Amino acid sequence: MKGYAYLADVIVAFHVALACFVSLGQLLIFMGLALKWRWIRNLWFRLAHLVTITVVALLDICGLRCPLTVWEDDLRRLAGQTIKDGSFVGRHMHNLLAYDFELWVF
């Protein structure tokens, strides 16, 4: 049971890192273009960023839940937890990802 909860926390941590990569990556790209940073033009960074944004956009357009969220929920269920019952770190990272913004923000 504890193993499932630990894996769910790992997935949430990865999910938060992925969300930061998408949002902060875009900010860094704009800043890098304005400030003429050479590293921002790295092909692998830009391709990884583009693919990640494309996957997120396609999931949203198709109305599908993120597979990482589904996987986390399944592991929490196997551990006998809900999101509210998760570990301290996992619960706060999930709340960071799933913050309920107003519709106009999007």
PDB file of N, CA and C in Angstrom:
ATOM      1  N   MET A   1       0.819  -1.201   0.000  1.00  0.00           N
ATOM      2  CA  MET A   1       0.000   0.000   0.000  1.00  0.00           C
ATOM      3  C   MET A   1       0.860   1.260   0.000  1.00  0.00           C
ATOM      4  N   LYS A   2       1.894   1.271   0.840  1.00  0.00           N
ATOM      5  CA  LYS A   2       2.769   2.440   0.900  1.00  0.00           C
ATOM      6  C   LYS A   2       3.496   2.657  -0.419  1.00  0.00           C
ATOM      7  N   GLY A   3       3.829   1.553  -1.100  1.00  0.00           N
ATOM      8  CA  GLY A   3       4.528   1.660  -2.369  1.00  0.00           C
ATOM      9  C   GLY A   3       3.699   2.382  -3.417  1.00  0.00           C
ATOM     10  N   TYR A   4       2.391   2.104  -3.449  1.00  0.00           N
ATOM     11  CA  TYR A   4       1.513   2.774  -4.392  1.00  0.00           C
ATOM     12  C   TYR A   4       1.436   4.270  -4.100  1.00  0.00           C
ATOM     13  N   ALA A   5       1.354   4.606  -2.822  1.00  0.00           N
ATOM     14  CA  ALA A   5       1.289   6.023  -2.445  1.00  0.00           C
ATOM     15  C   ALA A   5       2.586   6.739  -2.824  1.00  0.00           C
ATOM     16  N   TYR A   6       3.711   6.072  -2.612  1.00  0.00           N
ATOM     17  CA  TYR A   6       4.999   6.663  -2.980  1.00  0.00           C
ATOM     18  C   TYR A   6       5.069   6.890  -4.489  1.00  0.00           C
ATOM     19  N   LEU A   7       4.653   5.900  -5.277  1.00  0.00           N
ATOM     20  CA  LEU A   7       4.656   6.049  -6.737  1.00  0.00           C
ATOM     21  C   LEU A   7       3.728   7.170  -7.192  1.00  0.00           C
ATOM     22  N   ALA A   8       2.579   7.310  -6.520  1.00  0.00           N
ATOM     23  CA  ALA A   8       1.666   8.408  -6.852  1.00  0.00           C
ATOM     24  C   ALA A   8       2.340   9.750  -6.597  1.00  0.00           C
ATOM     25  N   ASP A   9       3.088   9.860  -5.494  1.00  0.00           N
ATOM     26  CA  ASP A   9       3.813  11.099  -5.199  1.00  0.00           C
ATOM     27  C   ASP A   9       4.894  11.374  -6.244  1.00  0.00           C
ATOM     28  N   VAL A  10       5.563  10.337  -6.694  1.00  0.00           N
ATOM     29  CA  VAL A  10       6.593  10.499  -7.730  1.00  0.00           C
ATOM     30  C   VAL A  10       5.950  11.009  -9.019  1.00  0.00           C
ATOM     31  N   ILE A  11       4.793  10.449  -9.366  1.00  0.00           N
ATOM     32  CA  ILE A  11       4.096  10.889 -10.579  1.00  0.00           C
ATOM     33  C   ILE A  11       3.676  12.350 -10.455  1.00  0.00           C
ATOM     34  N   VAL A  12       3.184  12.743  -9.276  1.00  0.00           N
ATOM     35  CA  VAL A  12       2.786  14.148  -9.079  1.00  0.00           C
ATOM     36  C   VAL A  12       4.002  15.053  -9.210  1.00  0.00           C
ATOM     37  N   ALA A  13       5.127  14.649  -8.639  1.00  0.00           N
ATOM     38  CA  ALA A  13       6.348  15.460  -8.738  1.00  0.00           C
ATOM     39  C   ALA A  13       6.774  15.612 -10.195  1.00  0.00           C
ATOM     40  N   PHE A  14       6.705  14.523 -10.962  1.00  0.00           N
ATOM     41  CA  PHE A  14       7.041  14.588 -12.382  1.00  0.00           C
ATOM     42  C   PHE A  14       6.059  15.481 -13.133  1.00  0.00           C
ATOM     43  N   HIS A  15       4.785  15.390 -12.774  1.00  0.00           N
ATOM     44  CA  HIS A  15       3.747  16.198 -13.409  1.00  0.00           C
ATOM     45  C   HIS A  15       3.993  17.690 -13.149  1.00  0.00           C
ATOM     46  N   VAL A  16       4.353  18.032 -11.924  1.00  0.00           N
ATOM     47  CA  VAL A  16       4.665  19.426 -11.586  1.00  0.00           C
ATOM     48  C   VAL A  16       5.889  19.890 -12.380  1.00  0.00           C
ATOM     49  N   ALA A  17       6.910  19.037 -12.466  1.00  0.00           N
ATOM     50  CA  ALA A  17       8.108  19.398 -13.231  1.00  0.00           C
ATOM     51  C   ALA A  17       7.765  19.625 -14.700  1.00  0.00           C
ATOM     52  N   LEU A  18       6.894  18.787 -15.245  1.00  0.00           N
ATOM     53  CA  LEU A  18       6.473  18.933 -16.634  1.00  0.00           C
ATOM     54  C   LEU A  18       5.703  20.240 -16.848  1.00  0.00           C
ATOM     55  N   ALA A  19       4.820  20.559 -15.919  1.00  0.00           N
ATOM     56  CA  ALA A  19       4.062  21.817 -16.017  1.00  0.00           C
ATOM     57  C   ALA A  19       4.998  23.020 -15.925  1.00  0.00           C
ATOM     58  N   CYS A  20       5.994  22.942 -15.065  1.00  0.00           N
ATOM     59  CA  CYS A  20       6.976  24.029 -14.956  1.00  0.00           C
ATOM     60  C   CYS A  20       7.804  24.142 -16.235  1.00  0.00           C
ATOM     61  N   PHE A  21       8.151  22.999 -16.828  1.00  0.00           N
ATOM     62  CA  PHE A  21       8.903  23.005 -18.079  1.00  0.00           C
ATOM     63  C   PHE A  21       8.119  23.717 -19.173  1.00  0.00           C
ATOM     64  N   VAL A  22       6.820  23.449 -19.255  1.00  0.00           N
ATOM     65  CA  VAL A  22       5.993  24.071 -20.283  1.00  0.00           C
ATOM     66  C   VAL A  22       5.868  25.571 -20.039  1.00  0.00           C
ATOM     67  N   SER A  23       5.482  25.957 -18.837  1.00  0.00           N
ATOM     68  CA  SER A  23       5.219  27.381 -18.582  1.00  0.00           C
ATOM     69  C   SER A  23       6.509  28.196 -18.479  1.00  0.00           C
ATOM     70  N   LEU A  24       7.469  27.735 -17.694  1.00  0.00           N
ATOM     71  CA  LEU A  24       8.719  28.490 -17.561  1.00  0.00           C
ATOM     72  C   LEU A  24       9.554  28.411 -18.834  1.00  0.00           C
ATOM     73  N   GLY A  25       9.448  27.289 -19.535  1.00  0.00           N
ATOM     74  CA  GLY A  25      10.171  27.156 -20.805  1.00  0.00           C
ATOM     75  C   GLY A  25       9.730  28.207 -21.807  1.00  0.00           C
ATOM     76  N   GLN A  26       8.420  28.438 -21.878  1.00  0.00           N
ATOM     77  CA  GLN A  26       7.919  29.461 -22.808  1.00  0.00           C
ATOM     78  C   GLN A  26       8.412  30.854 -22.400  1.00  0.00           C
ATOM     79  N   LEU A  27       8.381  31.120 -21.118  1.00  0.00           N
ATOM     80  CA  LEU A  27       8.881  32.405 -20.622  1.00  0.00           C
ATOM     81  C   LEU A  27      10.366  32.569 -20.957  1.00  0.00           C
ATOM     82  N   LEU A  28      11.146  31.517 -20.749  1.00  0.00           N
ATOM     83  CA  LEU A  28      12.576  31.580 -21.059  1.00  0.00           C
ATOM     84  C   LEU A  28      12.826  31.760 -22.554  1.00  0.00           C
ATOM     85  N   ILE A  29      12.001  31.152 -23.374  1.00  0.00           N
ATOM     86  CA  ILE A  29      12.158  31.327 -24.827  1.00  0.00           C
ATOM     87  C   ILE A  29      11.945  32.786 -25.209  1.00  0.00           C
ATOM     88  N   PHE A  30      10.884  33.398 -24.700  1.00  0.00           N
ATOM     89  CA  PHE A  30      10.634  34.815 -24.997  1.00  0.00           C
ATOM     90  C   PHE A  30      11.752  35.704 -24.452  1.00  0.00           C
ATOM     91  N   MET A  31      12.172  35.443 -23.226  1.00  0.00           N
ATOM     92  CA  MET A  31      13.263  36.235 -22.636  1.00  0.00           C
ATOM     93  C   MET A  31      14.556  36.040 -23.428  1.00  0.00           C
ATOM     94  N   GLY A  32      14.822  34.787 -23.817  1.00  0.00           N
ATOM     95  CA  GLY A  32      16.046  34.483 -24.553  1.00  0.00           C
ATOM     96  C   GLY A  32      16.095  35.148 -25.910  1.00  0.00           C
ATOM     97  N   LEU A  33      14.941  35.229 -26.557  1.00  0.00           N
ATOM     98  CA  LEU A  33      14.907  35.919 -27.851  1.00  0.00           C
ATOM     99  C   LEU A  33      15.173  37.402 -27.671  1.00  0.00           C
ATOM    100  N   ALA A  34      14.572  37.991 -26.639  1.00  0.00           N
ATOM    101  CA  ALA A  34      14.759  39.427 -26.388  1.00  0.00           C
ATOM    102  C   ALA A  34      16.177  39.741 -25.935  1.00  0.00           C
ATOM    103  N   LEU A  35      16.750  38.857 -25.113  1.00  0.00           N
ATOM    104  CA  LEU A  35      18.084  39.102 -24.553  1.00  0.00           C
ATOM    105  C   LEU A  35      19.200  38.444 -25.358  1.00  0.00           C
ATOM    106  N   LYS A  36      18.832  37.817 -26.478  1.00  0.00           N
ATOM    107  CA  LYS A  36      19.796  37.184 -27.382  1.00  0.00           C
ATOM    108  C   LYS A  36      20.624  36.086 -26.710  1.00  0.00           C
ATOM    109  N   TRP A  37      19.950  35.261 -25.889  1.00  0.00           N
ATOM    110  CA  TRP A  37      20.619  34.112 -25.284  1.00  0.00           C
ATOM    111  C   TRP A  37      20.781  33.045 -26.360  1.00  0.00           C
ATOM    112  N   ARG A  38      21.980  32.536 -26.506  1.00  0.00           N
ATOM    113  CA  ARG A  38      22.243  31.538 -27.544  1.00  0.00           C
ATOM    114  C   ARG A  38      21.667  30.169 -27.178  1.00  0.00           C
ATOM    115  N   TRP A  39      21.705  29.798 -25.915  1.00  0.00           N
ATOM    116  CA  TRP A  39      21.282  28.455 -25.507  1.00  0.00           C
ATOM    117  C   TRP A  39      19.788  28.217 -25.740  1.00  0.00           C
ATOM    118  N   ILE A  40      19.042  29.305 -25.840  1.00  0.00           N
ATOM    119  CA  ILE A  40      17.599  29.177 -26.008  1.00  0.00           C
ATOM    120  C   ILE A  40      17.254  28.622 -27.390  1.00  0.00           C
ATOM    121  N   ARG A  41      18.195  28.666 -28.310  1.00  0.00           N
ATOM    122  CA  ARG A  41      17.964  28.153 -29.661  1.00  0.00           C
ATOM    123  C   ARG A  41      18.369  26.679 -29.802  1.00  0.00           C
ATOM    124  N   ASN A  42      18.677  26.030 -28.691  1.00  0.00           N
ATOM    125  CA  ASN A  42      19.041  24.619 -28.710  1.00  0.00           C
ATOM    126  C   ASN A  42      17.895  23.795 -29.293  1.00  0.00           C
ATOM    127  N   LEU A  43      18.205  23.033 -30.348  1.00  0.00           N
ATOM    128  CA  LEU A  43      17.185  22.278 -31.065  1.00  0.00           C
ATOM    129  C   LEU A  43      16.451  21.296 -30.152  1.00  0.00           C
ATOM    130  N   TRP A  44      17.171  20.579 -29.303  1.00  0.00           N
ATOM    131  CA  TRP A  44      16.541  19.561 -28.450  1.00  0.00           C
ATOM    132  C   TRP A  44      15.624  20.181 -27.409  1.00  0.00           C
ATOM    133  N   PHE A  45      16.039  21.299 -26.847  1.00  0.00           N
ATOM    134  CA  PHE A  45      15.181  22.013 -25.889  1.00  0.00           C
ATOM    135  C   PHE A  45      13.897  22.468 -26.569  1.00  0.00           C
ATOM    136  N   ARG A  46      14.041  23.079 -27.740  1.00  0.00           N
ATOM    137  CA  ARG A  46      12.869  23.601 -28.442  1.00  0.00           C
ATOM    138  C   ARG A  46      11.932  22.490 -28.912  1.00  0.00           C
ATOM    139  N   LEU A  47      12.498  21.385 -29.408  1.00  0.00           N
ATOM    140  CA  LEU A  47      11.659  20.261 -29.843  1.00  0.00           C
ATOM    141  C   LEU A  47      10.927  19.620 -28.665  1.00  0.00           C
ATOM    142  N   ALA A  48      11.646  19.420 -27.557  1.00  0.00           N
ATOM    143  CA  ALA A  48      11.011  18.839 -26.368  1.00  0.00           C
ATOM    144  C   ALA A  48       9.884  19.742 -25.872  1.00  0.00           C
ATOM    145  N   HIS A  49      10.125  21.033 -25.894  1.00  0.00           N
ATOM    146  CA  HIS A  49       9.109  21.988 -25.453  1.00  0.00           C
ATOM    147  C   HIS A  49       7.908  21.972 -26.391  1.00  0.00           C
ATOM    148  N   LEU A  50       8.156  21.970 -27.684  1.00  0.00           N
ATOM    149  CA  LEU A  50       7.076  21.953 -28.676  1.00  0.00           C
ATOM    150  C   LEU A  50       6.242  20.674 -28.574  1.00  0.00           C
ATOM    151  N   VAL A  51       6.905  19.533 -28.439  1.00  0.00           N
ATOM    152  CA  VAL A  51       6.183  18.262 -28.332  1.00  0.00           C
ATOM    153  C   VAL A  51       5.338  18.234 -27.060  1.00  0.00           C
ATOM    154  N   THR A  52       5.893  18.705 -25.960  1.00  0.00           N
ATOM    155  CA  THR A  52       5.158  18.710 -24.695  1.00  0.00           C
ATOM    156  C   THR A  52       3.924  19.603 -24.788  1.00  0.00           C
ATOM    157  N   ILE A  53       4.083  20.793 -25.324  1.00  0.00           N
ATOM    158  CA  ILE A  53       2.939  21.703 -25.467  1.00  0.00           C
ATOM    159  C   ILE A  53       1.895  21.107 -26.415  1.00  0.00           C
ATOM    160  N   THR A  54       2.341  20.474 -27.490  1.00  0.00           N
ATOM    161  CA  THR A  54       1.414  19.873 -28.450  1.00  0.00           C
ATOM    162  C   THR A  54       0.591  18.766 -27.799  1.00  0.00           C
ATOM    163  N   VAL A  55       1.239  17.914 -27.021  1.00  0.00           N
ATOM    164  CA  VAL A  55       0.520  16.829 -26.341  1.00  0.00           C
ATOM    165  C   VAL A  55      -0.503  17.398 -25.365  1.00  0.00           C
ATOM    166  N   VAL A  56      -0.109  18.380 -24.577  1.00  0.00           N
ATOM    167  CA  VAL A  56      -1.028  18.997 -23.617  1.00  0.00           C
ATOM    168  C   VAL A  56      -2.217  19.623 -24.338  1.00  0.00           C
ATOM    169  N   ALA A  57      -1.948  20.345 -25.428  1.00  0.00           N
ATOM    170  CA  ALA A  57      -3.025  20.995 -26.184  1.00  0.00           C
ATOM    171  C   ALA A  57      -3.969  19.963 -26.800  1.00  0.00           C
ATOM    172  N   LEU A  58      -3.428  18.900 -27.370  1.00  0.00           N
ATOM    173  CA  LEU A  58      -4.266  17.867 -27.977  1.00  0.00           C
ATOM    174  C   LEU A  58      -5.140  17.167 -26.936  1.00  0.00           C
ATOM    175  N   LEU A  59      -4.580  16.881 -25.765  1.00  0.00           N
ATOM    176  CA  LEU A  59      -5.373  16.266 -24.699  1.00  0.00           C
ATOM    177  C   LEU A  59      -6.541  17.172 -24.320  1.00  0.00           C
ATOM    178  N   ASP A  60      -6.264  18.463 -24.212  1.00  0.00           N
ATOM    179  CA  ASP A  60      -7.309  19.402 -23.834  1.00  0.00           C
ATOM    180  C   ASP A  60      -8.357  19.552 -24.938  1.00  0.00           C
ATOM    181  N   ILE A  61      -7.926  19.660 -26.177  1.00  0.00           N
ATOM    182  CA  ILE A  61      -8.858  19.800 -27.302  1.00  0.00           C
ATOM    183  C   ILE A  61      -9.771  18.576 -27.400  1.00  0.00           C
ATOM    184  N   CYS A  62      -9.205  17.411 -27.178  1.00  0.00           N
ATOM    185  CA  CYS A  62      -9.985  16.169 -27.263  1.00  0.00           C
ATOM    186  C   CYS A  62     -10.796  15.896 -25.997  1.00  0.00           C
ATOM    187  N   GLY A  63     -10.626  16.731 -24.979  1.00  0.00           N
ATOM    188  CA  GLY A  63     -11.379  16.555 -23.742  1.00  0.00           C
ATOM    189  C   GLY A  63     -10.926  15.365 -22.915  1.00  0.00           C
ATOM    190  N   LEU A  64      -9.670  14.967 -23.069  1.00  0.00           N
ATOM    191  CA  LEU A  64      -9.137  13.819 -22.343  1.00  0.00           C
ATOM    192  C   LEU A  64      -8.402  14.269 -21.079  1.00  0.00           C
ATOM    193  N   ARG A  65      -8.461  13.438 -20.072  1.00  0.00           N
ATOM    194  CA  ARG A  65      -7.686  13.714 -18.857  1.00  0.00           C
ATOM    195  C   ARG A  65      -6.233  13.360 -19.114  1.00  0.00           C
ATOM    196  N   CYS A  66      -5.358  14.079 -18.458  1.00  0.00           N
ATOM    197  CA  CYS A  66      -3.929  13.792 -18.588  1.00  0.00           C
ATOM    198  C   CYS A  66      -3.655  12.376 -18.071  1.00  0.00           C
ATOM    199  N   PRO A  67      -2.910  11.570 -18.829  1.00  0.00           N
ATOM    200  CA  PRO A  67      -2.607  10.208 -18.371  1.00  0.00           C
ATOM    201  C   PRO A  67      -1.886  10.179 -17.024  1.00  0.00           C
ATOM    202  N   LEU A  68      -1.089  11.200 -16.734  1.00  0.00           N
ATOM    203  CA  LEU A  68      -0.407  11.239 -15.443  1.00  0.00           C
ATOM    204  C   LEU A  68      -1.404  11.400 -14.299  1.00  0.00           C
ATOM    205  N   THR A  69      -2.445  12.188 -14.508  1.00  0.00           N
ATOM    206  CA  THR A  69      -3.483  12.357 -13.501  1.00  0.00           C
ATOM    207  C   THR A  69      -4.248  11.054 -13.298  1.00  0.00           C
ATOM    208  N   VAL A  70      -4.578  10.395 -14.392  1.00  0.00           N
ATOM    209  CA  VAL A  70      -5.293   9.117 -14.307  1.00  0.00           C
ATOM    210  C   VAL A  70      -4.442   8.093 -13.563  1.00  0.00           C
ATOM    211  N   TRP A  71      -3.166   8.042 -13.891  1.00  0.00           N
ATOM    212  CA  TRP A  71      -2.253   7.094 -13.266  1.00  0.00           C
ATOM    213  C   TRP A  71      -2.137   7.387 -11.770  1.00  0.00           C
ATOM    214  N   GLU A  72      -1.998   8.663 -11.427  1.00  0.00           N
ATOM    215  CA  GLU A  72      -1.920   9.030 -10.008  1.00  0.00           C
ATOM    216  C   GLU A  72      -3.189   8.610  -9.271  1.00  0.00           C
ATOM    217  N   ASP A  73      -4.346   8.903  -9.856  1.00  0.00           N
ATOM    218  CA  ASP A  73      -5.617   8.525  -9.224  1.00  0.00           C
ATOM    219  C   ASP A  73      -5.718   7.020  -9.017  1.00  0.00           C
ATOM    220  N   ASP A  74      -5.295   6.248 -10.012  1.00  0.00           N
ATOM    221  CA  ASP A  74      -5.330   4.787  -9.891  1.00  0.00           C
ATOM    222  C   ASP A  74      -4.416   4.303  -8.774  1.00  0.00           C
ATOM    223  N   LEU A  75      -3.220   4.874  -8.690  1.00  0.00           N
ATOM    224  CA  LEU A  75      -2.293   4.477  -7.630  1.00  0.00           C
ATOM    225  C   LEU A  75      -2.802   4.883  -6.255  1.00  0.00           C
ATOM    226  N   ARG A  76      -3.419   6.056  -6.161  1.00  0.00           N
ATOM    227  CA  ARG A  76      -3.996   6.477  -4.873  1.00  0.00           C
ATOM    228  C   ARG A  76      -5.107   5.513  -4.461  1.00  0.00           C
ATOM    229  N   ARG A  77      -5.922   5.106  -5.428  1.00  0.00           N
ATOM    230  CA  ARG A  77      -7.004   4.175  -5.129  1.00  0.00           C
ATOM    231  C   ARG A  77      -6.432   2.834  -4.651  1.00  0.00           C
ATOM    232  N   LEU A  78      -5.371   2.348  -5.314  1.00  0.00           N
ATOM    233  CA  LEU A  78      -4.731   1.103  -4.900  1.00  0.00           C
ATOM    234  C   LEU A  78      -4.114   1.215  -3.505  1.00  0.00           C
ATOM    235  N   ALA A  79      -3.677   2.428  -3.155  1.00  0.00           N
ATOM    236  CA  ALA A  79      -3.093   2.657  -1.828  1.00  0.00           C
ATOM    237  C   ALA A  79      -4.173   2.905  -0.781  1.00  0.00           C
ATOM    238  N   GLY A  80      -5.433   2.938  -1.212  1.00  0.00           N
ATOM    239  CA  GLY A  80      -6.523   3.197  -0.276  1.00  0.00           C
ATOM    240  C   GLY A  80      -6.635   4.661   0.100  1.00  0.00           C
ATOM    241  N   GLN A  81      -6.173   5.537  -0.771  1.00  0.00           N
ATOM    242  CA  GLN A  81      -6.180   6.976  -0.508  1.00  0.00           C
ATOM    243  C   GLN A  81      -7.071   7.697  -1.508  1.00  0.00           C
ATOM    244  N   THR A  82      -7.429   8.916  -1.136  1.00  0.00           N
ATOM    245  CA  THR A  82      -7.971   9.871  -2.096  1.00  0.00           C
ATOM    246  C   THR A  82      -6.910  10.954  -2.202  1.00  0.00           C
ATOM    247  N   ILE A  83      -7.147  11.938  -3.050  1.00  0.00           N
ATOM    248  CA  ILE A  83      -6.174  13.026  -3.171  1.00  0.00           C
ATOM    249  C   ILE A  83      -5.979  13.702  -1.817  1.00  0.00           C
ATOM    250  N   LYS A  84      -7.060  13.874  -1.081  1.00  0.00           N
ATOM    251  CA  LYS A  84      -6.972  14.541   0.221  1.00  0.00           C
ATOM    252  C   LYS A  84      -6.229  13.706   1.243  1.00  0.00           C
ATOM    253  N   ASP A  85      -6.188  12.371   1.038  1.00  0.00           N
ATOM    254  CA  ASP A  85      -5.508  11.492   1.982  1.00  0.00           C
ATOM    255  C   ASP A  85      -4.048  11.273   1.632  1.00  0.00           C
ATOM    256  N   GLY A  86      -3.583  11.802   0.520  1.00  0.00           N
ATOM    257  CA  GLY A  86      -2.210  11.576   0.074  1.00  0.00           C
ATOM    258  C   GLY A  86      -1.195  12.142   1.046  1.00  0.00           C
ATOM    259  N   SER A  87       0.073  11.936   0.736  1.00  0.00           N
ATOM    260  CA  SER A  87       1.128  12.464   1.601  1.00  0.00           C
ATOM    261  C   SER A  87       1.126  13.988   1.550  1.00  0.00           C
ATOM    262  N   PHE A  88       1.798  14.580   2.483  1.00  0.00           N
ATOM    263  CA  PHE A  88       1.860  16.047   2.567  1.00  0.00           C
ATOM    264  C   PHE A  88       2.401  16.641   1.269  1.00  0.00           C
ATOM    265  N   VAL A  89       3.521  16.131   0.813  1.00  0.00           N
ATOM    266  CA  VAL A  89       4.157  16.663  -0.392  1.00  0.00           C
ATOM    267  C   VAL A  89       3.289  16.387  -1.622  1.00  0.00           C
ATOM    268  N   GLY A  90       2.808  15.158  -1.746  1.00  0.00           N
ATOM    269  CA  GLY A  90       1.985  14.801  -2.891  1.00  0.00           C
ATOM    270  C   GLY A  90       0.708  15.609  -2.961  1.00  0.00           C
ATOM    271  N   ARG A  91       0.080  15.832  -1.819  1.00  0.00           N
ATOM    272  CA  ARG A  91      -1.173  16.597  -1.777  1.00  0.00           C
ATOM    273  C   ARG A  91      -0.933  18.035  -2.216  1.00  0.00           C
ATOM    274  N   HIS A  92       0.149  18.647  -1.738  1.00  0.00           N
ATOM    275  CA  HIS A  92       0.409  20.046  -2.096  1.00  0.00           C
ATOM    276  C   HIS A  92       0.869  20.196  -3.541  1.00  0.00           C
ATOM    277  N   MET A  93       1.618  19.227  -4.034  1.00  0.00           N
ATOM    278  CA  MET A  93       2.006  19.301  -5.446  1.00  0.00           C
ATOM    279  C   MET A  93       0.785  19.114  -6.338  1.00  0.00           C
ATOM    280  N   HIS A  94      -0.122  18.207  -5.948  1.00  0.00           N
ATOM    281  CA  HIS A  94      -1.351  18.021  -6.730  1.00  0.00           C
ATOM    282  C   HIS A  94      -2.194  19.300  -6.708  1.00  0.00           C
ATOM    283  N   ASN A  95      -2.303  19.928  -5.541  1.00  0.00           N
ATOM    284  CA  ASN A  95      -3.081  21.168  -5.446  1.00  0.00           C
ATOM    285  C   ASN A  95      -2.459  22.273  -6.288  1.00  0.00           C
ATOM    286  N   LEU A  96      -1.143  22.294  -6.394  1.00  0.00           N
ATOM    287  CA  LEU A  96      -0.471  23.263  -7.241  1.00  0.00           C
ATOM    288  C   LEU A  96      -0.847  23.047  -8.704  1.00  0.00           C
ATOM    289  N   LEU A  97      -0.911  21.790  -9.126  1.00  0.00           N
ATOM    290  CA  LEU A  97      -1.267  21.465 -10.509  1.00  0.00           C
ATOM    291  C   LEU A  97      -2.739  21.693 -10.795  1.00  0.00           C
ATOM    292  N   ALA A  98      -3.584  21.335  -9.863  1.00  0.00           N
ATOM    293  CA  ALA A  98      -5.023  21.331 -10.107  1.00  0.00           C
ATOM    294  C   ALA A  98      -5.709  22.538  -9.489  1.00  0.00           C
ATOM    295  N   TYR A  99      -5.005  23.659  -9.394  1.00  0.00           N
ATOM    296  CA  TYR A  99      -5.607  24.856  -8.828  1.00  0.00           C
ATOM    297  C   TYR A  99      -6.780  25.282  -9.703  1.00  0.00           C
ATOM    298  N   ASP A 100      -7.872  25.647  -9.078  1.00  0.00           N
ATOM    299  CA  ASP A 100      -9.101  25.955  -9.808  1.00  0.00           C
ATOM    300  C   ASP A 100      -9.142  27.445 -10.164  1.00  0.00           C
ATOM    301  N   PHE A 101      -8.517  27.785 -11.304  1.00  0.00           N
ATOM    302  CA  PHE A 101      -8.520  29.163 -11.776  1.00  0.00           C
ATOM    303  C   PHE A 101      -9.879  29.506 -12.373  1.00  0.00           C
ATOM    304  N   GLU A 102     -10.170  30.786 -12.447  1.00  0.00           N
ATOM    305  CA  GLU A 102     -11.378  31.250 -13.134  1.00  0.00           C
ATOM    306  C   GLU A 102     -11.231  30.964 -14.627  1.00  0.00           C
ATOM    307  N   LEU A 103     -12.329  30.775 -15.325  1.00  0.00           N
ATOM    308  CA  LEU A 103     -12.306  30.411 -16.732  1.00  0.00           C
ATOM    309  C   LEU A 103     -11.607  31.476 -17.593  1.00  0.00           C
ATOM    310  N   TRP A 104     -11.725  32.766 -17.229  1.00  0.00           N
ATOM    311  CA  TRP A 104     -11.130  33.834 -18.032  1.00  0.00           C
ATOM    312  C   TRP A 104      -9.607  33.739 -18.061  1.00  0.00           C
ATOM    313  N   VAL A 105      -8.997  33.072 -17.058  1.00  0.00           N
ATOM    314  CA  VAL A 105      -7.541  32.939 -17.032  1.00  0.00           C
ATOM    315  C   VAL A 105      -7.063  32.118 -18.226  1.00  0.00           C
ATOM    316  N   PHE A 106      -7.895  31.180 -18.634  1.00  0.00           N
ATOM    317  CA  PHE A 106      -7.498  30.294 -19.732  1.00  0.00           C
ATOM    318  C   PHE A 106      -7.948  30.851 -21.065  1.00  0.00           C
TER     319      PHE A 106
END
